[in-house]
Amino acid sequence: MPKYYLEKVAGYYLYYTKHCIIECMHAHASDRSLTESGSAKFFVKSDGSTVLQHRGNLTDREIIKIQKFIKLHFMEMYDMWVKDSERGFYGENK
């Protein structure tokens, strides 16, 4: 389960799984257990903005912090994503 970063953002790891690379680029936000139960899922657009699919157990404040972080770092995250997936950003046909 690749993590985008080793450090947590707003108390959560940002990661994706090898099983979900058939979808467009996204990031799960989960605590130390790294399970989808209770985690949030953010689809990432080509401008770095996100579409929240699942909020999990995250608060509004945590979601906003993570969205801001993704907006600042989405190209670094995308570089990692494309090593495992042929899918592009959310809303694009790739």
C-alpha atoms as a PDB file:
ATOM      1  CA  MET A   1       0.000   0.000   0.000  1.00  0.00           C
ATOM      2  CA  PRO A   2       2.024   2.999  -1.220  1.00  0.00           C
ATOM      3  CA  LYS A   3       1.953   6.091   0.947  1.00  0.00           C
ATOM      4  CA  TYR A   4       2.316   9.390  -0.838  1.00  0.00           C
ATOM      5  CA  TYR A   5       4.275  10.731   2.158  1.00  0.00           C
ATOM      6  CA  LEU A   6       5.736   9.106   5.247  1.00  0.00           C
ATOM      7  CA  GLU A   7       4.493  11.853   7.537  1.00  0.00           C
ATOM      8  CA  LYS A   8       0.850  12.343   8.416  1.00  0.00           C
ATOM      9  CA  VAL A   9      -1.289  15.216   7.185  1.00  0.00           C
ATOM     10  CA  ALA A  10      -3.854  16.432   9.732  1.00  0.00           C
ATOM     11  CA  GLY A  11      -3.209  13.183  11.616  1.00  0.00           C
ATOM     12  CA  TYR A  12      -3.739  10.884   8.618  1.00  0.00           C
ATOM     13  CA  TYR A  13      -1.585   9.045   6.097  1.00  0.00           C
ATOM     14  CA  LEU A  14      -2.308   9.721   2.433  1.00  0.00           C
ATOM     15  CA  TYR A  15      -2.052   6.566   0.344  1.00  0.00           C
ATOM     16  CA  TYR A  16      -3.547   4.443  -2.426  1.00  0.00           C
ATOM     17  CA  THR A  17      -3.737   0.698  -2.913  1.00  0.00           C
ATOM     18  CA  LYS A  18      -2.619  -1.467  -5.793  1.00  0.00           C
ATOM     19  CA  HIS A  19      -6.246  -2.602  -6.102  1.00  0.00           C
ATOM     20  CA  CYS A  20      -7.607   0.885  -6.693  1.00  0.00           C
ATOM     21  CA  ILE A  21      -5.286   1.999  -9.494  1.00  0.00           C
ATOM     22  CA  ILE A  22      -8.019   1.103 -11.988  1.00  0.00           C
ATOM     23  CA  GLU A  23      -9.752   4.315 -10.907  1.00  0.00           C
ATOM     24  CA  CYS A  24      -8.606   7.854 -11.592  1.00  0.00           C
ATOM     25  CA  MET A  25      -6.067   9.456  -9.291  1.00  0.00           C
ATOM     26  CA  HIS A  26      -7.125   9.692  -5.693  1.00  0.00           C
ATOM     27  CA  ALA A  27      -5.846   9.562  -2.147  1.00  0.00           C
ATOM     28  CA  HIS A  28      -7.193   7.746   0.861  1.00  0.00           C
ATOM     29  CA  ALA A  29      -6.682   9.419   4.231  1.00  0.00           C
ATOM     30  CA  SER A  30      -6.456   6.965   7.097  1.00  0.00           C
ATOM     31  CA  ASP A  31      -4.984   6.686  10.571  1.00  0.00           C
ATOM     32  CA  ARG A  32      -2.267   4.218  11.492  1.00  0.00           C
ATOM     33  CA  SER A  33      -4.357   1.152  10.599  1.00  0.00           C
ATOM     34  CA  LEU A  34      -4.407   2.123   6.891  1.00  0.00           C
ATOM     35  CA  THR A  35      -7.793   0.559   6.285  1.00  0.00           C
ATOM     36  CA  GLU A  36     -10.599   1.969   4.178  1.00  0.00           C
ATOM     37  CA  SER A  37     -12.972   1.639   7.104  1.00  0.00           C
ATOM     38  CA  GLY A  38     -13.303   5.133   8.534  1.00  0.00           C
ATOM     39  CA  SER A  39     -10.968   6.621   5.947  1.00  0.00           C
ATOM     40  CA  ALA A  40     -11.693   9.468   3.565  1.00  0.00           C
ATOM     41  CA  LYS A  41     -11.260   9.306  -0.204  1.00  0.00           C
ATOM     42  CA  PHE A  42     -10.284  12.325  -2.284  1.00  0.00           C
ATOM     43  CA  PHE A  43     -10.366  12.231  -6.086  1.00  0.00           C
ATOM     44  CA  VAL A  44      -7.760  14.635  -7.478  1.00  0.00           C
ATOM     45  CA  LYS A  45      -8.361  16.930 -10.467  1.00  0.00           C
ATOM     46  CA  SER A  46      -5.665  18.220 -12.829  1.00  0.00           C
ATOM     47  CA  ASP A  47      -5.635  21.611 -11.072  1.00  0.00           C
ATOM     48  CA  GLY A  48      -5.023  20.011  -7.659  1.00  0.00           C
ATOM     49  CA  SER A  49      -8.541  20.521  -6.382  1.00  0.00           C
ATOM     50  CA  THR A  50     -10.310  17.494  -4.964  1.00  0.00           C
ATOM     51  CA  VAL A  51     -13.701  15.838  -4.934  1.00  0.00           C
ATOM     52  CA  LEU A  52     -14.466  14.156  -1.636  1.00  0.00           C
ATOM     53  CA  GLN A  53     -16.083  10.775  -2.243  1.00  0.00           C
ATOM     54  CA  HIS A  54     -16.064   9.476   1.343  1.00  0.00           C
ATOM     55  CA  ARG A  55     -15.454  11.561   4.435  1.00  0.00           C
ATOM     56  CA  GLY A  56     -14.981   8.601   6.765  1.00  0.00           C
ATOM     57  CA  ASN A  57     -14.419   9.678  10.365  1.00  0.00           C
ATOM     58  CA  LEU A  58     -12.674  12.932   9.447  1.00  0.00           C
ATOM     59  CA  THR A  59     -13.867  16.287  10.695  1.00  0.00           C
ATOM     60  CA  ASP A  60     -14.525  19.239   8.400  1.00  0.00           C
ATOM     61  CA  ARG A  61     -11.339  20.869   9.651  1.00  0.00           C
ATOM     62  CA  GLU A  62      -9.227  17.769   8.869  1.00  0.00           C
ATOM     63  CA  ILE A  63     -10.763  17.499   5.401  1.00  0.00           C
ATOM     64  CA  ILE A  64      -9.956  21.142   4.618  1.00  0.00           C
ATOM     65  CA  LYS A  65      -6.344  20.703   5.785  1.00  0.00           C
ATOM     66  CA  ILE A  66      -5.905  17.619   3.624  1.00  0.00           C
ATOM     67  CA  GLN A  67      -7.481  19.308   0.606  1.00  0.00           C
ATOM     68  CA  LYS A  68      -5.104  22.256   0.986  1.00  0.00           C
ATOM     69  CA  PHE A  69      -2.135  19.897   1.304  1.00  0.00           C
ATOM     70  CA  ILE A  70      -3.144  17.962  -1.805  1.00  0.00           C
ATOM     71  CA  LYS A  71      -3.587  21.222  -3.734  1.00  0.00           C
ATOM     72  CA  LEU A  72       0.007  22.193  -2.878  1.00  0.00           C
ATOM     73  CA  HIS A  73       1.550  18.773  -3.570  1.00  0.00           C
ATOM     74  CA  PHE A  74      -0.664  17.139  -6.201  1.00  0.00           C
ATOM     75  CA  MET A  75       2.002  16.983  -8.933  1.00  0.00           C
ATOM     76  CA  GLU A  76       4.438  15.154  -6.645  1.00  0.00           C
ATOM     77  CA  MET A  77       1.626  12.788  -5.742  1.00  0.00           C
ATOM     78  CA  TYR A  78       0.710  12.357  -9.407  1.00  0.00           C
ATOM     79  CA  ASP A  79       4.305  11.426 -10.266  1.00  0.00           C
ATOM     80  CA  MET A  80       4.036   8.575  -7.777  1.00  0.00           C
ATOM     81  CA  TRP A  81       0.540   7.588  -8.956  1.00  0.00           C
ATOM     82  CA  VAL A  82       1.511   7.209 -12.639  1.00  0.00           C
ATOM     83  CA  LYS A  83       4.231   4.721 -11.751  1.00  0.00           C
ATOM     84  CA  ASP A  84       1.451   2.249 -10.873  1.00  0.00           C
ATOM     85  CA  SER A  85      -1.589   3.415 -12.834  1.00  0.00           C
ATOM     86  CA  GLU A  86      -2.506   4.278 -16.404  1.00  0.00           C
ATOM     87  CA  ARG A  87      -5.390   6.420 -15.167  1.00  0.00           C
ATOM     88  CA  GLY A  88      -5.118  10.183 -14.999  1.00  0.00           C
ATOM     89  CA  PHE A  89      -6.744  12.864 -12.947  1.00  0.00           C
ATOM     90  CA  TYR A  90     -10.413  12.873 -11.952  1.00  0.00           C
ATOM     91  CA  GLY A  91     -12.650  13.907 -14.835  1.00  0.00           C
ATOM     92  CA  GLU A  92     -10.126  13.109 -17.558  1.00  0.00           C
ATOM     93  CA  ASN A  93     -10.337  10.297 -20.069  1.00  0.00           C
ATOM     94  CA  LYS A  94      -6.934   8.671 -20.040  1.00  0.00           C
END
